[in-house]
Amino acid sequence: MYTKFEKARLLGARSFQLELGAPPMIKVTDPKISAMEIAKAELKHDLLPITVKK
């Protein structure tokens, strides 16, 4: 699993990508949902298109 620092970095990077127009990896039904909430849902479902190299 990820450390809290890795999670923070992943969520920040992914939400930034979403803000710039990257397509979400989950189905978004509410158009008012924030990029951070989408990133959290992607992390919860293990769908982040980002890898961590340890």
C-alpha atoms as a PDB file:
ATOM      1  CA  MET A   1       0.000   0.000   0.000  1.00  0.00           C
ATOM      2  CA  TYR A   2       0.967   3.640  -0.196  1.00  0.00           C
ATOM      3  CA  THR A   3       2.300   5.832   2.577  1.00  0.00           C
ATOM      4  CA  LYS A   4       0.363   8.975   3.470  1.00  0.00           C
ATOM      5  CA  PHE A   5       2.991  11.013   1.605  1.00  0.00           C
ATOM      6  CA  GLU A   6       2.647   8.926  -1.542  1.00  0.00           C
ATOM      7  CA  LYS A   7      -1.144   9.208  -1.350  1.00  0.00           C
ATOM      8  CA  ALA A   8      -0.940  12.982  -1.035  1.00  0.00           C
ATOM      9  CA  ARG A   9       1.405  13.209  -4.010  1.00  0.00           C
ATOM     10  CA  LEU A  10      -0.721  10.856  -6.126  1.00  0.00           C
ATOM     11  CA  LEU A  11      -3.951  12.681  -5.347  1.00  0.00           C
ATOM     12  CA  GLY A  12      -2.391  16.067  -6.036  1.00  0.00           C
ATOM     13  CA  ALA A  13      -0.865  14.981  -9.331  1.00  0.00           C
ATOM     14  CA  ARG A  14      -4.006  13.200 -10.520  1.00  0.00           C
ATOM     15  CA  SER A  15      -6.358  16.029  -9.558  1.00  0.00           C
ATOM     16  CA  PHE A  16      -4.073  18.433 -11.439  1.00  0.00           C
ATOM     17  CA  GLN A  17      -4.274  16.184 -14.515  1.00  0.00           C
ATOM     18  CA  LEU A  18      -8.067  16.120 -14.252  1.00  0.00           C
ATOM     19  CA  GLU A  19      -8.222  19.910 -13.915  1.00  0.00           C
ATOM     20  CA  LEU A  20      -6.218  20.196 -17.136  1.00  0.00           C
ATOM     21  CA  GLY A  21      -8.713  18.017 -18.990  1.00  0.00           C
ATOM     22  CA  ALA A  22      -7.537  14.421 -18.570  1.00  0.00           C
ATOM     23  CA  PRO A  23     -10.407  11.938 -18.852  1.00  0.00           C
ATOM     24  CA  PRO A  24     -11.505  10.365 -15.552  1.00  0.00           C
ATOM     25  CA  MET A  25     -10.969   6.623 -15.139  1.00  0.00           C
ATOM     26  CA  ILE A  26     -14.304   6.251 -13.323  1.00  0.00           C
ATOM     27  CA  LYS A  27     -17.827   7.068 -14.431  1.00  0.00           C
ATOM     28  CA  VAL A  28     -18.739  10.554 -13.228  1.00  0.00           C
ATOM     29  CA  THR A  29     -22.473  11.123 -12.842  1.00  0.00           C
ATOM     30  CA  ASP A  30     -22.415  14.508 -11.081  1.00  0.00           C
ATOM     31  CA  PRO A  31     -20.938  17.309 -13.227  1.00  0.00           C
ATOM     32  CA  LYS A  32     -20.194  19.388 -10.108  1.00  0.00           C
ATOM     33  CA  ILE A  33     -17.867  16.800  -8.500  1.00  0.00           C
ATOM     34  CA  SER A  34     -14.381  18.144  -7.830  1.00  0.00           C
ATOM     35  CA  ALA A  35     -11.220  16.800  -9.398  1.00  0.00           C
ATOM     36  CA  MET A  36      -9.955  15.825  -5.937  1.00  0.00           C
ATOM     37  CA  GLU A  37     -13.049  13.712  -5.269  1.00  0.00           C
ATOM     38  CA  ILE A  38     -12.616  11.968  -8.620  1.00  0.00           C
ATOM     39  CA  ALA A  39      -8.945  11.310  -7.815  1.00  0.00           C
ATOM     40  CA  LYS A  40      -9.891   9.912  -4.385  1.00  0.00           C
ATOM     41  CA  ALA A  41     -12.451   7.582  -5.982  1.00  0.00           C
ATOM     42  CA  GLU A  42      -9.882   6.426  -8.543  1.00  0.00           C
ATOM     43  CA  LEU A  43      -7.396   5.714  -5.759  1.00  0.00           C
ATOM     44  CA  LYS A  44     -10.042   3.840  -3.747  1.00  0.00           C
ATOM     45  CA  HIS A  45     -10.851   1.622  -6.744  1.00  0.00           C
ATOM     46  CA  ASP A  46      -7.160   1.256  -7.690  1.00  0.00           C
ATOM     47  CA  LEU A  47      -7.675   2.903 -11.072  1.00  0.00           C
ATOM     48  CA  LEU A  48      -5.045   5.638 -10.961  1.00  0.00           C
ATOM     49  CA  PRO A  49      -3.062   5.807 -14.211  1.00  0.00           C
ATOM     50  CA  ILE A  50       0.043   6.709 -12.173  1.00  0.00           C
ATOM     51  CA  THR A  51       2.614   4.318 -10.727  1.00  0.00           C
ATOM     52  CA  VAL A  52       4.894   4.750  -7.728  1.00  0.00           C
ATOM     53  CA  LYS A  53       8.452   3.616  -8.138  1.00  0.00           C
ATOM     54  CA  LYS A  54       9.968   2.635  -4.797  1.00  0.00           C
END
